[in-house]
């Protein structure tokens, strides 16, 4: 953003991109005028260790093991089955991933080393479950002041809607939108809602 001369941007992100967006806003508030984000967001805390959550977050531990690359890396059928599981399981009930899109992803991720490269974030960052479970009580002075719109998916199995109950403890200027019937993949499953949130924030700033 510095190199391109971009500042006061509406920064958007979901999944790992949500971490990135929140970090930019916290570390370089001069670059960000507003955020549009979907989970992960702060506030889950120790609830990530409850049985249902543990059943969903197994993959974060699996990615720490060399077994992950031994079973999947460079094996197109295994890559397709692995990606297909998450696309199907994490999507909302009305969203279907086309075979052509899954074929394209399989081609990219099945190249030797590509799958291993794709999970290196988990290894570099450490298991995110550890981070969530160790989340302490927020300090009032640490609340993010950037105007933020949260788009929280109703049907995301890894970030249940109930975990949105503490957002006010972490953000001072918050707009909350529940995305009914939407699963984990916000920009794909709720493209119009995502774009509308951006337009809304830009209109306020104009």
C-alpha atoms as a PDB file:
ATOM      1  CA  UNK A   1       0.000   0.000   0.000  1.00  0.00           C
ATOM      2  CA  UNK A   2       2.879   2.346   0.754  1.00  0.00           C
ATOM      3  CA  UNK A   3       4.522   1.518  -2.559  1.00  0.00           C
ATOM      4  CA  UNK A   4       1.290   2.161  -4.481  1.00  0.00           C
ATOM      5  CA  UNK A   5       0.505   5.314  -2.545  1.00  0.00           C
ATOM      6  CA  UNK A   6      -2.743   3.862  -1.197  1.00  0.00           C
ATOM      7  CA  UNK A   7      -4.131   5.200   2.070  1.00  0.00           C
ATOM      8  CA  UNK A   8      -7.482   5.567   3.810  1.00  0.00           C
ATOM      9  CA  UNK A   9      -8.633   2.390   2.074  1.00  0.00           C
ATOM     10  CA  UNK A  10     -11.622   0.187   2.848  1.00  0.00           C
ATOM     11  CA  UNK A  11      -9.775  -3.036   3.621  1.00  0.00           C
ATOM     12  CA  UNK A  12     -11.686  -6.300   3.303  1.00  0.00           C
ATOM     13  CA  UNK A  13     -10.911  -9.866   4.290  1.00  0.00           C
ATOM     14  CA  UNK A  14     -12.252 -13.197   5.431  1.00  0.00           C
ATOM     15  CA  UNK A  15     -10.533 -16.239   6.936  1.00  0.00           C
ATOM     16  CA  UNK A  16      -6.774 -15.534   6.990  1.00  0.00           C
ATOM     17  CA  UNK A  17      -7.510 -12.301   5.129  1.00  0.00           C
ATOM     18  CA  UNK A  18      -9.543 -11.173   8.126  1.00  0.00           C
ATOM     19  CA  UNK A  19      -6.434 -11.523  10.307  1.00  0.00           C
ATOM     20  CA  UNK A  20      -4.471  -9.513   7.741  1.00  0.00           C
ATOM     21  CA  UNK A  21      -7.077  -6.745   7.544  1.00  0.00           C
ATOM     22  CA  UNK A  22      -7.353  -6.395  11.325  1.00  0.00           C
ATOM     23  CA  UNK A  23      -3.561  -6.373  11.706  1.00  0.00           C
ATOM     24  CA  UNK A  24      -3.132  -3.631   9.105  1.00  0.00           C
ATOM     25  CA  UNK A  25      -5.800  -1.527  10.819  1.00  0.00           C
ATOM     26  CA  UNK A  26      -4.141  -1.978  14.192  1.00  0.00           C
ATOM     27  CA  UNK A  27      -0.537  -1.451  13.078  1.00  0.00           C
ATOM     28  CA  UNK A  28      -1.087   1.185  10.364  1.00  0.00           C
ATOM     29  CA  UNK A  29      -4.356   3.019  11.060  1.00  0.00           C
ATOM     30  CA  UNK A  30      -3.267   5.756   8.639  1.00  0.00           C
ATOM     31  CA  UNK A  31      -3.773   3.310   5.767  1.00  0.00           C
ATOM     32  CA  UNK A  32      -7.277   2.125   6.687  1.00  0.00           C
ATOM     33  CA  UNK A  33     -10.516   4.105   6.774  1.00  0.00           C
ATOM     34  CA  UNK A  34     -12.809   1.110   7.361  1.00  0.00           C
ATOM     35  CA  UNK A  35     -12.819  -2.674   7.594  1.00  0.00           C
ATOM     36  CA  UNK A  36     -15.166  -5.275   6.088  1.00  0.00           C
ATOM     37  CA  UNK A  37     -14.385  -8.626   7.724  1.00  0.00           C
ATOM     38  CA  UNK A  38     -15.785 -12.081   8.375  1.00  0.00           C
ATOM     39  CA  UNK A  39     -14.516 -14.596  10.931  1.00  0.00           C
ATOM     40  CA  UNK A  40     -12.079 -15.329  12.389  1.00  0.00           C
ATOM     41  CA  UNK A  41     -12.653 -12.508  14.831  1.00  0.00           C
ATOM     42  CA  UNK A  42     -11.756 -12.148  18.504  1.00  0.00           C
ATOM     43  CA  UNK A  43     -14.039 -13.377  21.258  1.00  0.00           C
ATOM     44  CA  UNK A  44     -14.160 -17.158  20.846  1.00  0.00           C
ATOM     45  CA  UNK A  45     -11.870 -17.749  23.814  1.00  0.00           C
ATOM     46  CA  UNK A  46     -11.973 -21.109  25.549  1.00  0.00           C
ATOM     47  CA  UNK A  47     -15.125 -22.055  23.646  1.00  0.00           C
ATOM     48  CA  UNK A  48     -12.812 -23.272  20.881  1.00  0.00           C
ATOM     49  CA  UNK A  49     -12.004 -26.219  23.190  1.00  0.00           C
ATOM     50  CA  UNK A  50     -15.614 -27.373  23.449  1.00  0.00           C
ATOM     51  CA  UNK A  51     -16.388 -30.740  21.857  1.00  0.00           C
ATOM     52  CA  UNK A  52     -18.135 -29.502  18.718  1.00  0.00           C
ATOM     53  CA  UNK A  53     -15.405 -26.972  17.991  1.00  0.00           C
ATOM     54  CA  UNK A  54     -12.648 -29.560  18.508  1.00  0.00           C
ATOM     55  CA  UNK A  55     -14.418 -31.843  16.021  1.00  0.00           C
ATOM     56  CA  UNK A  56     -14.300 -29.069  13.430  1.00  0.00           C
ATOM     57  CA  UNK A  57     -10.769 -27.758  14.036  1.00  0.00           C
ATOM     58  CA  UNK A  58      -8.997 -31.134  13.706  1.00  0.00           C
ATOM     59  CA  UNK A  59      -7.344 -30.012  10.460  1.00  0.00           C
ATOM     60  CA  UNK A  60      -5.300 -27.329  12.262  1.00  0.00           C
ATOM     61  CA  UNK A  61      -3.483 -30.072  14.184  1.00  0.00           C
ATOM     62  CA  UNK A  62      -3.277 -32.322  11.119  1.00  0.00           C
ATOM     63  CA  UNK A  63      -1.470 -29.573   9.213  1.00  0.00           C
ATOM     64  CA  UNK A  64       1.288 -29.538  11.819  1.00  0.00           C
ATOM     65  CA  UNK A  65       2.203 -33.139  10.986  1.00  0.00           C
ATOM     66  CA  UNK A  66       4.456 -34.426   8.201  1.00  0.00           C
ATOM     67  CA  UNK A  67       1.724 -37.028   7.756  1.00  0.00           C
ATOM     68  CA  UNK A  68      -0.361 -34.353   6.010  1.00  0.00           C
ATOM     69  CA  UNK A  69       2.122 -33.984   3.161  1.00  0.00           C
ATOM     70  CA  UNK A  70       2.903 -37.705   3.078  1.00  0.00           C
ATOM     71  CA  UNK A  71      -0.759 -38.568   2.541  1.00  0.00           C
ATOM     72  CA  UNK A  72      -1.791 -35.695   0.267  1.00  0.00           C
ATOM     73  CA  UNK A  73       1.048 -33.772  -1.395  1.00  0.00           C
ATOM     74  CA  UNK A  74       1.500 -34.523  -5.094  1.00  0.00           C
ATOM     75  CA  UNK A  75      -1.445 -36.974  -5.152  1.00  0.00           C
ATOM     76  CA  UNK A  76      -4.260 -35.494  -7.295  1.00  0.00           C
ATOM     77  CA  UNK A  77      -6.990 -37.841  -6.048  1.00  0.00           C
ATOM     78  CA  UNK A  78      -6.078 -37.171  -2.408  1.00  0.00           C
ATOM     79  CA  UNK A  79      -5.857 -33.414  -3.017  1.00  0.00           C
ATOM     80  CA  UNK A  80      -9.273 -33.385  -4.693  1.00  0.00           C
ATOM     81  CA  UNK A  81     -10.862 -35.409  -1.904  1.00  0.00           C
ATOM     82  CA  UNK A  82      -9.323 -33.168   0.771  1.00  0.00           C
ATOM     83  CA  UNK A  83     -10.317 -29.875  -0.856  1.00  0.00           C
ATOM     84  CA  UNK A  84     -13.730 -31.259  -1.793  1.00  0.00           C
ATOM     85  CA  UNK A  85     -14.439 -32.188   1.809  1.00  0.00           C
ATOM     86  CA  UNK A  86     -13.916 -28.642   3.050  1.00  0.00           C
ATOM     87  CA  UNK A  87     -15.727 -26.986   0.165  1.00  0.00           C
ATOM     88  CA  UNK A  88     -18.783 -29.165   0.762  1.00  0.00           C
ATOM     89  CA  UNK A  89     -18.700 -29.240   4.560  1.00  0.00           C
ATOM     90  CA  UNK A  90     -18.013 -25.531   5.071  1.00  0.00           C
ATOM     91  CA  UNK A  91     -20.437 -24.220   2.431  1.00  0.00           C
ATOM     92  CA  UNK A  92     -23.963 -23.099   3.240  1.00  0.00           C
ATOM     93  CA  UNK A  93     -26.893 -25.393   2.391  1.00  0.00           C
ATOM     94  CA  UNK A  94     -27.760 -23.488  -0.796  1.00  0.00           C
ATOM     95  CA  UNK A  95     -24.256 -23.254  -2.244  1.00  0.00           C
ATOM     96  CA  UNK A  96     -22.756 -25.884  -4.519  1.00  0.00           C
ATOM     97  CA  UNK A  97     -19.158 -25.932  -5.690  1.00  0.00           C
ATOM     98  CA  UNK A  98     -18.969 -26.708  -9.395  1.00  0.00           C
ATOM     99  CA  UNK A  99     -16.814 -29.595 -10.571  1.00  0.00           C
ATOM    100  CA  UNK A 100     -14.961 -27.260 -12.927  1.00  0.00           C
ATOM    101  CA  UNK A 101     -13.870 -25.061 -10.028  1.00  0.00           C
ATOM    102  CA  UNK A 102     -12.806 -28.053  -7.950  1.00  0.00           C
ATOM    103  CA  UNK A 103     -10.928 -29.466 -10.947  1.00  0.00           C
ATOM    104  CA  UNK A 104      -9.081 -26.161 -11.321  1.00  0.00           C
ATOM    105  CA  UNK A 105      -8.109 -26.066  -7.647  1.00  0.00           C
ATOM    106  CA  UNK A 106      -7.006 -29.696  -7.765  1.00  0.00           C
ATOM    107  CA  UNK A 107      -4.748 -28.983 -10.723  1.00  0.00           C
ATOM    108  CA  UNK A 108      -3.059 -26.112  -8.861  1.00  0.00           C
ATOM    109  CA  UNK A 109      -2.762 -27.820  -5.476  1.00  0.00           C
ATOM    110  CA  UNK A 110      -1.705 -31.233  -6.842  1.00  0.00           C
ATOM    111  CA  UNK A 111       1.642 -30.041  -8.213  1.00  0.00           C
ATOM    112  CA  UNK A 112       4.429 -31.534  -6.061  1.00  0.00           C
ATOM    113  CA  UNK A 113       5.048 -29.260  -3.097  1.00  0.00           C
ATOM    114  CA  UNK A 114       1.978 -27.074  -3.686  1.00  0.00           C
ATOM    115  CA  UNK A 115      -0.193 -28.611  -0.978  1.00  0.00           C
ATOM    116  CA  UNK A 116       2.631 -28.432   1.558  1.00  0.00           C
ATOM    117  CA  UNK A 117       3.233 -24.785   0.655  1.00  0.00           C
ATOM    118  CA  UNK A 118      -0.475 -24.068   1.156  1.00  0.00           C
ATOM    119  CA  UNK A 119      -0.445 -25.243   4.777  1.00  0.00           C
ATOM    120  CA  UNK A 120       2.789 -23.510   5.773  1.00  0.00           C
ATOM    121  CA  UNK A 121       0.806 -20.619   7.280  1.00  0.00           C
ATOM    122  CA  UNK A 122      -0.464 -23.031   9.931  1.00  0.00           C
ATOM    123  CA  UNK A 123       3.069 -24.184  10.676  1.00  0.00           C
ATOM    124  CA  UNK A 124       4.547 -20.695  10.771  1.00  0.00           C
ATOM    125  CA  UNK A 125       1.718 -19.255  12.847  1.00  0.00           C
ATOM    126  CA  UNK A 126       1.243 -22.262  15.089  1.00  0.00           C
ATOM    127  CA  UNK A 127      -2.079 -23.928  15.762  1.00  0.00           C
ATOM    128  CA  UNK A 128      -4.733 -21.158  15.782  1.00  0.00           C
ATOM    129  CA  UNK A 129      -6.741 -23.112  18.343  1.00  0.00           C
ATOM    130  CA  UNK A 130      -3.959 -22.390  20.845  1.00  0.00           C
ATOM    131  CA  UNK A 131      -4.268 -18.691  20.055  1.00  0.00           C
ATOM    132  CA  UNK A 132      -8.049 -18.683  20.458  1.00  0.00           C
ATOM    133  CA  UNK A 133      -8.032 -20.638  23.703  1.00  0.00           C
ATOM    134  CA  UNK A 134      -5.383 -18.350  25.195  1.00  0.00           C
ATOM    135  CA  UNK A 135      -7.288 -15.202  24.372  1.00  0.00           C
ATOM    136  CA  UNK A 136      -7.328 -13.016  27.465  1.00  0.00           C
ATOM    137  CA  UNK A 137      -9.795 -10.376  28.560  1.00  0.00           C
ATOM    138  CA  UNK A 138      -9.500  -7.377  26.222  1.00  0.00           C
ATOM    139  CA  UNK A 139      -8.188  -4.083  27.560  1.00  0.00           C
ATOM    140  CA  UNK A 140     -10.438  -1.124  26.861  1.00  0.00           C
ATOM    141  CA  UNK A 141      -7.458   0.765  25.485  1.00  0.00           C
ATOM    142  CA  UNK A 142      -6.769  -2.051  23.001  1.00  0.00           C
ATOM    143  CA  UNK A 143     -10.174  -1.953  21.294  1.00  0.00           C
ATOM    144  CA  UNK A 144      -9.843  -1.403  17.564  1.00  0.00           C
ATOM    145  CA  UNK A 145     -11.193   2.050  16.689  1.00  0.00           C
ATOM    146  CA  UNK A 146     -11.355   1.596  12.904  1.00  0.00           C
ATOM    147  CA  UNK A 147     -14.986   1.628  11.671  1.00  0.00           C
ATOM    148  CA  UNK A 148     -15.715  -2.043  11.110  1.00  0.00           C
ATOM    149  CA  UNK A 149     -18.483  -4.001   9.398  1.00  0.00           C
ATOM    150  CA  UNK A 150     -18.647  -7.637  10.444  1.00  0.00           C
ATOM    151  CA  UNK A 151     -20.354 -10.096   8.105  1.00  0.00           C
ATOM    152  CA  UNK A 152     -20.965 -13.243  10.147  1.00  0.00           C
ATOM    153  CA  UNK A 153     -22.171 -16.362   8.378  1.00  0.00           C
ATOM    154  CA  UNK A 154     -25.119 -18.242   9.869  1.00  0.00           C
ATOM    155  CA  UNK A 155     -23.945 -21.657   8.660  1.00  0.00           C
ATOM    156  CA  UNK A 156     -20.177 -21.575   9.155  1.00  0.00           C
ATOM    157  CA  UNK A 157     -19.336 -24.775  11.092  1.00  0.00           C
ATOM    158  CA  UNK A 158     -15.939 -23.527  12.309  1.00  0.00           C
ATOM    159  CA  UNK A 159     -17.069 -20.071  13.454  1.00  0.00           C
ATOM    160  CA  UNK A 160     -20.566 -20.464  14.929  1.00  0.00           C
ATOM    161  CA  UNK A 161     -22.775 -17.418  15.173  1.00  0.00           C
ATOM    162  CA  UNK A 162     -22.813 -17.702  18.982  1.00  0.00           C
ATOM    163  CA  UNK A 163     -19.165 -16.595  19.020  1.00  0.00           C
ATOM    164  CA  UNK A 164     -20.157 -13.128  17.839  1.00  0.00           C
ATOM    165  CA  UNK A 165     -21.486 -12.162  21.283  1.00  0.00           C
ATOM    166  CA  UNK A 166     -18.312 -10.373  22.485  1.00  0.00           C
ATOM    167  CA  UNK A 167     -17.411  -8.244  19.480  1.00  0.00           C
ATOM    168  CA  UNK A 168     -18.235  -4.991  21.256  1.00  0.00           C
ATOM    169  CA  UNK A 169     -15.404  -5.742  23.681  1.00  0.00           C
ATOM    170  CA  UNK A 170     -12.898  -5.584  20.801  1.00  0.00           C
ATOM    171  CA  UNK A 171     -14.278  -2.911  18.447  1.00  0.00           C
ATOM    172  CA  UNK A 172     -15.440   0.616  19.254  1.00  0.00           C
ATOM    173  CA  UNK A 173     -17.274   1.303  15.966  1.00  0.00           C
ATOM    174  CA  UNK A 174     -19.058  -1.838  14.816  1.00  0.00           C
ATOM    175  CA  UNK A 175     -21.796  -2.703  12.364  1.00  0.00           C
ATOM    176  CA  UNK A 176     -22.925  -6.314  12.529  1.00  0.00           C
ATOM    177  CA  UNK A 177     -24.611  -8.207   9.690  1.00  0.00           C
ATOM    178  CA  UNK A 178     -25.812 -11.793   9.969  1.00  0.00           C
ATOM    179  CA  UNK A 179     -25.609 -13.625   6.643  1.00  0.00           C
ATOM    180  CA  UNK A 180     -28.525 -16.055   6.700  1.00  0.00           C
ATOM    181  CA  UNK A 181     -27.944 -19.387   4.985  1.00  0.00           C
ATOM    182  CA  UNK A 182     -24.308 -18.568   4.231  1.00  0.00           C
ATOM    183  CA  UNK A 183     -21.390 -20.853   5.041  1.00  0.00           C
ATOM    184  CA  UNK A 184     -17.705 -20.131   5.472  1.00  0.00           C
ATOM    185  CA  UNK A 185     -16.885 -18.763   2.015  1.00  0.00           C
ATOM    186  CA  UNK A 186     -18.348 -15.283   2.397  1.00  0.00           C
ATOM    187  CA  UNK A 187     -17.100 -13.564  -0.799  1.00  0.00           C
ATOM    188  CA  UNK A 188     -18.336 -16.474  -2.945  1.00  0.00           C
ATOM    189  CA  UNK A 189     -21.575 -17.308  -1.151  1.00  0.00           C
ATOM    190  CA  UNK A 190     -22.619 -13.753  -0.297  1.00  0.00           C
ATOM    191  CA  UNK A 191     -20.944 -11.703  -3.018  1.00  0.00           C
ATOM    192  CA  UNK A 192     -23.718  -9.107  -3.180  1.00  0.00           C
ATOM    193  CA  UNK A 193     -23.783  -8.599   0.599  1.00  0.00           C
ATOM    194  CA  UNK A 194     -20.005  -8.264   0.657  1.00  0.00           C
ATOM    195  CA  UNK A 195     -20.023  -5.684  -2.134  1.00  0.00           C
ATOM    196  CA  UNK A 196     -22.923  -3.807  -0.510  1.00  0.00           C
ATOM    197  CA  UNK A 197     -20.987  -3.524   2.741  1.00  0.00           C
ATOM    198  CA  UNK A 198     -18.062  -1.976   0.860  1.00  0.00           C
ATOM    199  CA  UNK A 199     -20.334   0.504  -0.910  1.00  0.00           C
ATOM    200  CA  UNK A 200     -21.980   1.423   2.367  1.00  0.00           C
ATOM    201  CA  UNK A 201     -18.679   2.207   4.043  1.00  0.00           C
ATOM    202  CA  UNK A 202     -17.411   4.146   1.027  1.00  0.00           C
ATOM    203  CA  UNK A 203     -20.612   6.214   0.943  1.00  0.00           C
ATOM    204  CA  UNK A 204     -20.126   7.212   4.574  1.00  0.00           C
ATOM    205  CA  UNK A 205     -16.564   8.288   3.847  1.00  0.00           C
ATOM    206  CA  UNK A 206     -17.414  10.212   0.665  1.00  0.00           C
END
